[in-house]
Amino acid sequence: TVPVLLIHGGKPVRSSLNIILYVDEAFAGPSLLPAGCHARAVARYWADFIDDTLVEAMYKAEGRNQAAAAIEVLEGALRECSKPFFGGDNAGYVDVVLGSLLPWVCAADATWGT
């Protein structure tokens, strides 16, 4: 989790994943989370996987192999979805979480020389 802070209505919201969910609930528009309890739980699982596995690997010196393994798992899960996004036909919570890492992935590529 990237330690960021959002102040909304004078109240703080911490942690990037919590902020994404807060913004999703606090403002009008289509939800980033899918309908149905199980589908929402699955989306939260993958967001946690990204945060706990991929992000953590990018902070380690030996993280290149761990990050590559995490990316393989994510690619397999996306293939199983058989949709263009983890959120289905439209971008959703997992897609936003993963997309927010693109600058970090580019930096890791530059650092690791891939």
C-alpha atoms as a PDB file:
ATOM      1  CA  THR A   1       0.000   0.000   0.000  1.00  0.00           C
ATOM      2  CA  VAL A   2       1.282   3.391  -0.929  1.00  0.00           C
ATOM      3  CA  PRO A   3       0.909   5.611   2.152  1.00  0.00           C
ATOM      4  CA  VAL A   4      -1.199   8.390   0.705  1.00  0.00           C
ATOM      5  CA  LEU A   5      -3.780  10.547   2.377  1.00  0.00           C
ATOM      6  CA  LEU A   6      -7.047  11.959   1.113  1.00  0.00           C
ATOM      7  CA  ILE A   7      -8.880  14.653   3.033  1.00  0.00           C
ATOM      8  CA  HIS A   8     -12.559  14.782   2.152  1.00  0.00           C
ATOM      9  CA  GLY A   9     -15.061  16.757   4.149  1.00  0.00           C
ATOM     10  CA  GLY A  10     -12.345  17.451   6.710  1.00  0.00           C
ATOM     11  CA  LYS A  11     -11.895  13.738   7.404  1.00  0.00           C
ATOM     12  CA  PRO A  12      -8.753  11.784   6.497  1.00  0.00           C
ATOM     13  CA  VAL A  13      -8.765   8.567   4.500  1.00  0.00           C
ATOM     14  CA  ARG A  14      -5.481   6.659   4.440  1.00  0.00           C
ATOM     15  CA  SER A  15      -4.034   3.902   2.258  1.00  0.00           C
ATOM     16  CA  SER A  16      -4.291   3.810  -1.496  1.00  0.00           C
ATOM     17  CA  LEU A  17      -6.673   0.836  -1.659  1.00  0.00           C
ATOM     18  CA  ASN A  18      -8.981   2.381   0.940  1.00  0.00           C
ATOM     19  CA  ILE A  19      -8.930   5.696  -0.905  1.00  0.00           C
ATOM     20  CA  ILE A  20      -9.969   4.027  -4.166  1.00  0.00           C
ATOM     21  CA  LEU A  21     -12.907   2.332  -2.428  1.00  0.00           C
ATOM     22  CA  TYR A  22     -13.812   5.532  -0.576  1.00  0.00           C
ATOM     23  CA  VAL A  23     -13.905   7.576  -3.782  1.00  0.00           C
ATOM     24  CA  ASP A  24     -15.970   4.834  -5.420  1.00  0.00           C
ATOM     25  CA  GLU A  25     -18.568   5.011  -2.641  1.00  0.00           C
ATOM     26  CA  ALA A  26     -18.499   8.754  -1.944  1.00  0.00           C
ATOM     27  CA  PHE A  27     -19.061  10.037  -5.469  1.00  0.00           C
ATOM     28  CA  ALA A  28     -21.774   9.353  -8.023  1.00  0.00           C
ATOM     29  CA  GLY A  29     -21.095   7.215 -11.043  1.00  0.00           C
ATOM     30  CA  PRO A  30     -20.737   3.571 -11.954  1.00  0.00           C
ATOM     31  CA  SER A  31     -19.231   1.475  -9.190  1.00  0.00           C
ATOM     32  CA  LEU A  32     -15.714   0.137  -9.578  1.00  0.00           C
ATOM     33  CA  LEU A  33     -16.740  -2.982  -7.668  1.00  0.00           C
ATOM     34  CA  PRO A  34     -18.835  -5.592  -9.436  1.00  0.00           C
ATOM     35  CA  ALA A  35     -22.346  -6.519  -8.377  1.00  0.00           C
ATOM     36  CA  GLY A  36     -22.677  -9.496  -6.075  1.00  0.00           C
ATOM     37  CA  CYS A  37     -20.925 -10.336  -2.824  1.00  0.00           C
ATOM     38  CA  HIS A  38     -18.698 -13.044  -4.290  1.00  0.00           C
ATOM     39  CA  ALA A  39     -17.594 -10.953  -7.261  1.00  0.00           C
ATOM     40  CA  ARG A  40     -16.727  -8.063  -4.910  1.00  0.00           C
ATOM     41  CA  ALA A  41     -14.773 -10.428  -2.651  1.00  0.00           C
ATOM     42  CA  VAL A  42     -12.838 -11.718  -5.667  1.00  0.00           C
ATOM     43  CA  ALA A  43     -12.029  -8.158  -6.766  1.00  0.00           C
ATOM     44  CA  ARG A  44     -10.801  -7.308  -3.263  1.00  0.00           C
ATOM     45  CA  TYR A  45      -8.700 -10.492  -3.231  1.00  0.00           C
ATOM     46  CA  TRP A  46      -6.933  -9.538  -6.474  1.00  0.00           C
ATOM     47  CA  ALA A  47      -6.390  -5.964  -5.300  1.00  0.00           C
ATOM     48  CA  ASP A  48      -4.812  -7.315  -2.105  1.00  0.00           C
ATOM     49  CA  PHE A  49      -2.722  -9.773  -4.145  1.00  0.00           C
ATOM     50  CA  ILE A  50      -1.418  -6.912  -6.277  1.00  0.00           C
ATOM     51  CA  ASP A  51      -0.701  -4.781  -3.221  1.00  0.00           C
ATOM     52  CA  ASP A  52       0.838  -7.545  -1.103  1.00  0.00           C
ATOM     53  CA  THR A  53       2.735  -9.455  -3.785  1.00  0.00           C
ATOM     54  CA  LEU A  54       3.546  -7.294  -6.786  1.00  0.00           C
ATOM     55  CA  VAL A  55       4.093  -4.009  -4.969  1.00  0.00           C
ATOM     56  CA  GLU A  56       6.163  -5.675  -2.256  1.00  0.00           C
ATOM     57  CA  ALA A  57       8.340  -7.396  -4.868  1.00  0.00           C
ATOM     58  CA  MET A  58       9.075  -4.094  -6.583  1.00  0.00           C
ATOM     59  CA  TYR A  59      10.608  -2.744  -3.369  1.00  0.00           C
ATOM     60  CA  LYS A  60      13.070  -5.623  -2.971  1.00  0.00           C
ATOM     61  CA  ALA A  61      16.487  -5.922  -4.564  1.00  0.00           C
ATOM     62  CA  GLU A  62      15.698  -9.517  -5.567  1.00  0.00           C
ATOM     63  CA  GLY A  63      12.140  -8.594  -6.484  1.00  0.00           C
ATOM     64  CA  ARG A  64      12.488  -9.016 -10.229  1.00  0.00           C
ATOM     65  CA  ASN A  65      11.705 -12.743 -10.165  1.00  0.00           C
ATOM     66  CA  GLN A  66       8.949 -12.301  -7.589  1.00  0.00           C
ATOM     67  CA  ALA A  67       7.364  -9.521  -9.636  1.00  0.00           C
ATOM     68  CA  ALA A  68       7.560 -11.629 -12.799  1.00  0.00           C
ATOM     69  CA  ALA A  69       5.876 -14.542 -11.010  1.00  0.00           C
ATOM     70  CA  ALA A  70       3.125 -12.264  -9.685  1.00  0.00           C
ATOM     71  CA  ILE A  71       2.560 -10.848 -13.165  1.00  0.00           C
ATOM     72  CA  GLU A  72       2.231 -14.385 -14.555  1.00  0.00           C
ATOM     73  CA  VAL A  73      -0.437 -15.162 -11.962  1.00  0.00           C
ATOM     74  CA  LEU A  74      -2.303 -11.957 -12.832  1.00  0.00           C
ATOM     75  CA  GLU A  75      -2.083 -12.663 -16.560  1.00  0.00           C
ATOM     76  CA  GLY A  76      -3.515 -16.141 -15.964  1.00  0.00           C
ATOM     77  CA  ALA A  77      -6.379 -14.705 -13.941  1.00  0.00           C
ATOM     78  CA  LEU A  78      -7.137 -12.153 -16.648  1.00  0.00           C
ATOM     79  CA  ARG A  79      -7.193 -14.908 -19.285  1.00  0.00           C
ATOM     80  CA  GLU A  80      -9.709 -16.803 -17.122  1.00  0.00           C
ATOM     81  CA  CYS A  81     -11.929 -13.716 -17.031  1.00  0.00           C
ATOM     82  CA  SER A  82     -12.118 -13.851 -20.835  1.00  0.00           C
ATOM     83  CA  LYS A  83     -13.007 -10.168 -20.769  1.00  0.00           C
ATOM     84  CA  PRO A  84     -10.887  -7.151 -21.652  1.00  0.00           C
ATOM     85  CA  PHE A  85     -10.681  -6.046 -17.998  1.00  0.00           C
ATOM     86  CA  PHE A  86     -10.648  -7.691 -14.588  1.00  0.00           C
ATOM     87  CA  GLY A  87     -13.859  -5.733 -14.064  1.00  0.00           C
ATOM     88  CA  GLY A  88     -15.464  -7.411 -17.086  1.00  0.00           C
ATOM     89  CA  ASP A  89     -16.312  -5.322 -20.114  1.00  0.00           C
ATOM     90  CA  ASN A  90     -15.427  -2.115 -18.269  1.00  0.00           C
ATOM     91  CA  ALA A  91     -12.504  -1.173 -16.078  1.00  0.00           C
ATOM     92  CA  GLY A  92     -13.155  -1.806 -12.398  1.00  0.00           C
ATOM     93  CA  TYR A  93     -11.456  -1.808  -9.016  1.00  0.00           C
ATOM     94  CA  VAL A  94      -8.719  -4.335  -9.851  1.00  0.00           C
ATOM     95  CA  ASP A  95      -7.975  -2.560 -13.119  1.00  0.00           C
ATOM     96  CA  VAL A  96      -7.575   0.775 -11.309  1.00  0.00           C
ATOM     97  CA  VAL A  97      -5.305  -0.799  -8.682  1.00  0.00           C
ATOM     98  CA  LEU A  98      -3.170  -2.479 -11.328  1.00  0.00           C
ATOM     99  CA  GLY A  99      -3.178   0.545 -13.627  1.00  0.00           C
ATOM    100  CA  SER A 100      -1.957   2.793 -10.840  1.00  0.00           C
ATOM    101  CA  LEU A 101       1.242   0.729 -10.774  1.00  0.00           C
ATOM    102  CA  LEU A 102       2.212   1.389 -14.389  1.00  0.00           C
ATOM    103  CA  PRO A 103       4.657   4.206 -13.529  1.00  0.00           C
ATOM    104  CA  TRP A 104       6.283   1.935 -10.927  1.00  0.00           C
ATOM    105  CA  VAL A 105       6.516  -0.942 -13.396  1.00  0.00           C
ATOM    106  CA  CYS A 106       8.177   1.352 -15.938  1.00  0.00           C
ATOM    107  CA  ALA A 107      10.637   2.489 -13.272  1.00  0.00           C
ATOM    108  CA  ALA A 108      11.343  -1.123 -12.301  1.00  0.00           C
ATOM    109  CA  ASP A 109      11.923  -2.016 -15.962  1.00  0.00           C
ATOM    110  CA  ALA A 110      14.408   0.839 -16.254  1.00  0.00           C
ATOM    111  CA  THR A 111      16.139  -0.218 -13.036  1.00  0.00           C
ATOM    112  CA  TRP A 112      16.242  -3.923 -13.839  1.00  0.00           C
ATOM    113  CA  GLY A 113      17.120  -3.327 -17.472  1.00  0.00           C
ATOM    114  CA  THR A 114      14.372  -5.377 -19.078  1.00  0.00           C
END
